[in-house]
Amino acid sequence: MDASPLGSVDKALLALDTLAGFGAAGAPLATLAQAVGVSKPTLHRTLAALRHRGYAEQTPDGAYRLGPAALALGSTYLAEENLPALLHPALAALSEKTAELVHLGVLAGREVVYLDKVEPQRAVRVWSAVGRRRTAATTALGRALLSVQDLDDAALTRYAGDDTSATRLRAVLDDTRSSGIAGETEENEAGIACIAVPLVRAGRAVAAVSITAPVERLRGAARAERVAALRDVLPPLLPASLTLP
């Protein structure tokens, strides 16, 4: 690897990477200095600068860990307004692989909002638009997002609303957790089915990606091929902090 053009900045970035690896418990100065590959006095000065700006903090027992400013950077990076730009290449690759319509969505109350879409070259038999909203409980995107949450009976009832029952929604989400794939068939549009997966960061669903296609292309072997595409195409193209469950 080429040498950093500014060594002091590089040491600070290495320190941040190392702190991230030790998680919420953090690590003592000596352990961190060994991991970063610098002396304790040098790292102590670097950590002091990071603490001054909130990028590092000390626990009551003296260990160092990431501070709230560093955590805020990650949240800002994955903010809703950034997701379409960050994830569009993954959506495009998935659409190219499957020749199907691909959507990106997030939860907004009881609904899913479509943030981005990529259409295949062949004609699409379903109308969709960025900014469109659908009830989360009856969509593959929404079910993928809800499946990551631990919903009590009151929350299930609220999400189900008048569109389904809390009992059915619980069963659907249980199936989604078991298989790792959310789905719906002709619940929103005749002749159309969807499958989806959540994108997870630190145990929380940040967004979900779906494939929408005519029912006949989401059955049997054809469905299995599209499920495999979701699992194979997306992970290497996601930002480092996002994963599939």
Protein backbone atom coordinates (compact mmCIF):
# COMPACT_ATOMS: atom_id res chain seq x y z
CA MET A 1 0.00 0.00 0.00
CA ASP A 2 1.25 3.51 -0.85
CA ALA A 3 2.30 5.74 2.03
CA SER A 4 -0.31 8.20 3.23
CA PRO A 5 0.25 11.77 1.97
CA LEU A 6 -0.39 13.05 5.50
CA GLY A 7 0.87 10.77 8.24
CA SER A 8 -0.90 12.42 11.18
CA VAL A 9 -4.27 12.14 9.50
CA ASP A 10 -3.54 8.55 8.57
CA LYS A 11 -2.76 7.72 12.21
CA ALA A 12 -6.07 9.25 13.29
CA LEU A 13 -7.98 7.24 10.70
CA LEU A 14 -6.18 4.05 11.70
CA ALA A 15 -7.06 4.79 15.31
CA LEU A 16 -10.74 5.17 14.35
CA ASP A 17 -10.69 1.88 12.41
CA THR A 18 -9.09 0.15 15.38
CA LEU A 19 -11.56 1.63 17.88
CA ALA A 20 -14.42 0.42 15.69
CA GLY A 21 -13.04 -3.10 15.85
CA PHE A 22 -13.17 -3.14 19.65
CA GLY A 23 -16.85 -2.15 19.75
CA ALA A 24 -18.68 -0.55 22.67
CA ALA A 25 -16.35 -2.03 25.29
CA GLY A 26 -13.35 -0.27 23.80
CA ALA A 27 -9.75 -1.12 24.68
CA PRO A 28 -6.94 0.27 26.86
CA LEU A 29 -4.29 2.55 25.39
CA ALA A 30 -1.59 -0.13 25.33
CA THR A 31 -3.77 -2.58 23.39
CA LEU A 32 -4.78 0.08 20.89
CA ALA A 33 -1.19 1.28 20.40
CA GLN A 34 -0.08 -2.25 19.62
CA ALA A 35 -2.97 -2.74 17.18
CA VAL A 36 -2.33 0.56 15.41
CA GLY A 37 1.44 0.04 15.40
CA VAL A 38 2.49 3.28 17.12
CA SER A 39 3.88 4.22 20.50
CA LYS A 40 1.56 4.88 23.42
CA PRO A 41 2.53 8.59 23.68
CA THR A 42 1.85 9.10 19.95
CA LEU A 43 -1.52 7.37 20.11
CA HIS A 44 -2.42 9.20 23.30
CA ARG A 45 -2.02 12.54 21.48
CA THR A 46 -4.07 11.27 18.54
CA LEU A 47 -6.83 10.04 20.83
CA ALA A 48 -6.84 13.34 22.68
CA ALA A 49 -7.54 15.13 19.40
CA LEU A 50 -10.28 12.64 18.52
CA ARG A 51 -11.84 13.05 21.96
CA HIS A 52 -11.79 16.83 21.55
CA ARG A 53 -14.01 16.51 18.47
CA GLY A 54 -16.18 13.73 19.89
CA TYR A 55 -14.83 10.97 17.64
CA ALA A 56 -13.48 9.01 20.61
CA GLU A 57 -14.37 8.81 24.28
CA GLN A 58 -13.15 7.08 27.43
CA THR A 59 -15.15 4.64 29.50
CA PRO A 60 -15.15 4.90 33.33
CA ASP A 61 -12.43 2.24 33.50
CA GLY A 62 -10.16 4.22 31.16
CA ALA A 63 -10.71 2.27 27.94
CA TYR A 64 -11.08 4.16 24.67
CA ARG A 65 -13.98 3.61 22.24
CA LEU A 66 -15.69 5.37 19.36
CA GLY A 67 -17.47 8.57 20.32
CA PRO A 68 -20.88 9.84 19.24
CA ALA A 69 -19.48 11.99 16.44
CA ALA A 70 -18.09 8.90 14.69
CA LEU A 71 -21.39 7.09 15.08
CA ALA A 72 -23.24 10.11 13.70
CA LEU A 73 -21.11 9.96 10.55
CA GLY A 74 -22.36 6.46 9.84
CA SER A 75 -25.97 7.48 10.38
CA THR A 76 -25.56 10.49 8.11
CA TYR A 77 -23.90 8.38 5.42
CA LEU A 78 -26.85 5.98 5.43
CA ALA A 79 -29.51 8.66 5.78
CA GLU A 80 -32.61 8.20 3.65
CA GLU A 81 -31.65 10.95 1.23
CA ASN A 82 -28.29 9.27 0.51
CA LEU A 83 -29.56 5.72 0.02
CA PRO A 84 -30.62 6.01 -3.64
CA ALA A 85 -27.16 7.19 -4.70
CA LEU A 86 -25.37 4.66 -2.49
CA LEU A 87 -27.46 1.68 -3.55
CA HIS A 88 -28.34 2.45 -7.16
CA PRO A 89 -25.39 0.44 -8.56
CA ALA A 90 -26.59 -2.60 -6.59
CA LEU A 91 -30.14 -2.15 -7.89
CA ALA A 92 -28.89 -1.78 -11.45
CA ALA A 93 -26.78 -4.94 -11.20
CA LEU A 94 -29.70 -6.90 -9.77
CA SER A 95 -32.04 -5.70 -12.51
CA GLU A 96 -29.48 -6.58 -15.18
CA LYS A 97 -28.97 -10.04 -13.68
CA THR A 98 -32.69 -10.85 -13.47
CA ALA A 99 -34.12 -8.65 -16.24
CA GLU A 100 -36.78 -7.60 -13.74
CA LEU A 101 -38.02 -4.41 -12.08
CA VAL A 102 -36.10 -3.67 -8.87
CA HIS A 103 -37.18 -1.31 -6.08
CA LEU A 104 -35.55 0.27 -3.03
CA GLY A 105 -37.85 1.18 -0.15
CA VAL A 106 -37.88 2.38 3.45
CA LEU A 107 -40.47 2.44 6.22
CA ALA A 108 -42.43 5.62 6.87
CA GLY A 109 -44.93 4.92 9.61
CA ARG A 110 -47.24 2.13 8.43
CA GLU A 111 -46.16 2.55 4.82
CA VAL A 112 -43.27 1.78 2.54
CA VAL A 113 -41.90 4.64 0.46
CA TYR A 114 -40.21 3.78 -2.84
CA LEU A 115 -36.89 5.67 -2.95
CA ASP A 116 -35.48 4.31 -6.20
CA LYS A 117 -36.19 1.83 -8.97
CA VAL A 118 -34.43 0.29 -11.96
CA GLU A 119 -36.50 -1.02 -14.84
CA PRO A 120 -35.36 -3.80 -17.17
CA GLN A 121 -35.06 -3.28 -20.91
CA ARG A 122 -38.08 -5.47 -21.57
CA ALA A 123 -41.55 -4.04 -21.04
CA VAL A 124 -42.78 -3.93 -17.45
CA ARG A 125 -46.41 -4.86 -16.76
CA VAL A 126 -46.59 -3.03 -13.43
CA TRP A 127 -46.80 0.69 -12.77
CA SER A 128 -44.42 2.07 -10.17
CA ALA A 129 -42.89 5.40 -9.30
CA VAL A 130 -40.28 6.80 -6.95
CA GLY A 131 -42.09 8.42 -4.04
CA ARG A 132 -45.04 6.03 -4.25
CA ARG A 133 -46.34 4.66 -0.95
CA ARG A 134 -47.85 1.28 -0.13
CA THR A 135 -49.04 -0.31 3.10
CA ALA A 136 -46.01 -2.07 4.61
CA ALA A 137 -47.98 -5.08 5.88
CA THR A 138 -49.07 -6.18 2.40
CA THR A 139 -45.87 -5.55 0.42
CA ALA A 140 -42.72 -7.63 0.14
CA LEU A 141 -40.60 -4.54 0.88
CA GLY A 142 -42.59 -3.76 4.00
CA ARG A 143 -42.59 -7.33 5.23
CA ALA A 144 -38.82 -7.52 4.75
CA LEU A 145 -38.39 -4.36 6.83
CA LEU A 146 -40.83 -5.43 9.55
CA SER A 147 -39.31 -8.90 9.82
CA VAL A 148 -36.18 -7.45 11.42
CA GLN A 149 -38.18 -5.79 14.19
CA ASP A 150 -39.38 -7.45 17.40
CA LEU A 151 -43.03 -6.39 17.21
CA ASP A 152 -45.40 -6.86 20.13
CA ASP A 153 -49.13 -7.47 19.65
CA ALA A 154 -49.96 -3.75 19.74
CA ALA A 155 -47.39 -2.97 17.05
CA LEU A 156 -48.57 -5.85 14.87
CA THR A 157 -52.14 -4.60 15.13
CA ARG A 158 -51.05 -1.08 14.23
CA TYR A 159 -49.10 -2.21 11.17
CA ALA A 160 -51.86 -4.59 10.07
CA GLY A 161 -54.50 -1.85 10.22
CA ASP A 162 -57.50 -2.60 8.02
CA ASP A 163 -55.37 -4.19 5.31
CA THR A 164 -54.76 -7.56 6.99
CA SER A 165 -54.95 -9.16 10.44
CA ALA A 166 -52.33 -9.11 13.15
CA THR A 167 -52.42 -12.93 13.21
CA ARG A 168 -51.73 -13.20 9.50
CA LEU A 169 -49.04 -10.53 9.65
CA ARG A 170 -47.27 -12.38 12.47
CA ALA A 171 -47.34 -15.62 10.46
CA VAL A 172 -46.02 -13.86 7.35
CA LEU A 173 -43.18 -12.23 9.29
CA ASP A 174 -42.29 -15.53 10.96
CA ASP A 175 -42.04 -17.14 7.51
CA THR A 176 -39.91 -14.23 6.30
CA ARG A 177 -37.47 -14.58 9.20
CA SER A 178 -37.25 -18.32 8.63
CA SER A 179 -36.57 -18.10 4.89
CA GLY A 180 -34.78 -14.75 4.81
CA ILE A 181 -37.03 -13.71 1.92
CA ALA A 182 -40.24 -11.68 2.09
CA GLY A 183 -42.87 -12.11 -0.57
CA GLU A 184 -46.34 -11.26 -1.77
CA THR A 185 -48.36 -12.58 -4.68
CA GLU A 186 -51.14 -10.52 -6.27
CA GLU A 187 -51.94 -8.76 -2.99
CA ASN A 188 -51.43 -5.33 -4.51
CA GLU A 189 -51.84 -5.89 -8.24
CA ALA A 190 -53.38 -8.73 -10.22
CA GLY A 191 -50.81 -10.89 -11.98
CA ILE A 192 -47.85 -9.35 -10.14
CA ALA A 193 -45.65 -10.80 -7.38
CA CYS A 194 -42.68 -9.50 -5.40
CA ILE A 195 -39.84 -10.84 -3.31
CA ALA A 196 -37.61 -8.73 -1.07
CA VAL A 197 -34.76 -8.72 1.42
CA PRO A 198 -33.95 -6.21 4.18
CA LEU A 199 -30.65 -4.36 4.33
CA VAL A 200 -29.46 -4.38 7.93
CA ARG A 201 -27.06 -2.22 9.89
CA ALA A 202 -26.28 -3.06 13.53
CA GLY A 203 -29.38 -5.22 13.77
CA ARG A 204 -31.71 -2.56 12.35
CA ALA A 205 -33.32 -2.60 8.91
CA VAL A 206 -32.19 0.51 7.05
CA ALA A 207 -33.97 -0.26 3.77
CA ALA A 208 -35.17 -3.16 1.64
CA VAL A 209 -34.71 -4.23 -1.98
CA SER A 210 -37.35 -6.06 -4.01
CA ILE A 211 -37.80 -7.78 -7.34
CA THR A 212 -41.21 -7.25 -8.94
CA ALA A 213 -42.34 -9.49 -11.78
CA PRO A 214 -45.33 -11.23 -13.34
CA VAL A 215 -46.47 -14.13 -11.16
CA GLU A 216 -45.27 -16.76 -13.60
CA ARG A 217 -41.68 -15.49 -13.21
CA LEU A 218 -41.81 -15.73 -9.43
CA ARG A 219 -42.85 -19.35 -9.14
CA GLY A 220 -40.87 -22.56 -8.85
CA ALA A 221 -37.42 -22.62 -10.43
CA ALA A 222 -37.76 -19.07 -11.77
CA ARG A 223 -38.45 -17.77 -8.26
CA ALA A 224 -35.47 -19.72 -6.88
CA GLU A 225 -33.22 -18.09 -9.49
CA ARG A 226 -34.38 -14.61 -8.48
CA VAL A 227 -33.99 -15.39 -4.78
CA ALA A 228 -30.44 -16.54 -5.50
CA ALA A 229 -29.80 -13.28 -7.38
CA LEU A 230 -30.91 -11.22 -4.37
CA ARG A 231 -28.54 -13.15 -2.13
CA ASP A 232 -25.60 -13.25 -4.52
CA VAL A 233 -25.66 -9.91 -6.36
CA LEU A 234 -26.44 -7.49 -3.54
CA PRO A 235 -23.88 -8.24 -0.75
CA PRO A 236 -20.67 -7.35 -2.61
CA LEU A 237 -22.20 -4.08 -3.86
CA LEU A 238 -23.53 -2.80 -0.53
CA PRO A 239 -21.80 -0.15 1.61
CA ALA A 240 -19.52 -1.85 4.13
CA SER A 241 -21.86 -1.41 7.09
CA LEU A 242 -24.94 -2.90 5.38
CA THR A 243 -25.63 -6.62 5.18
CA LEU A 244 -28.41 -9.06 4.48
CA PRO A 245 -29.71 -10.86 7.60
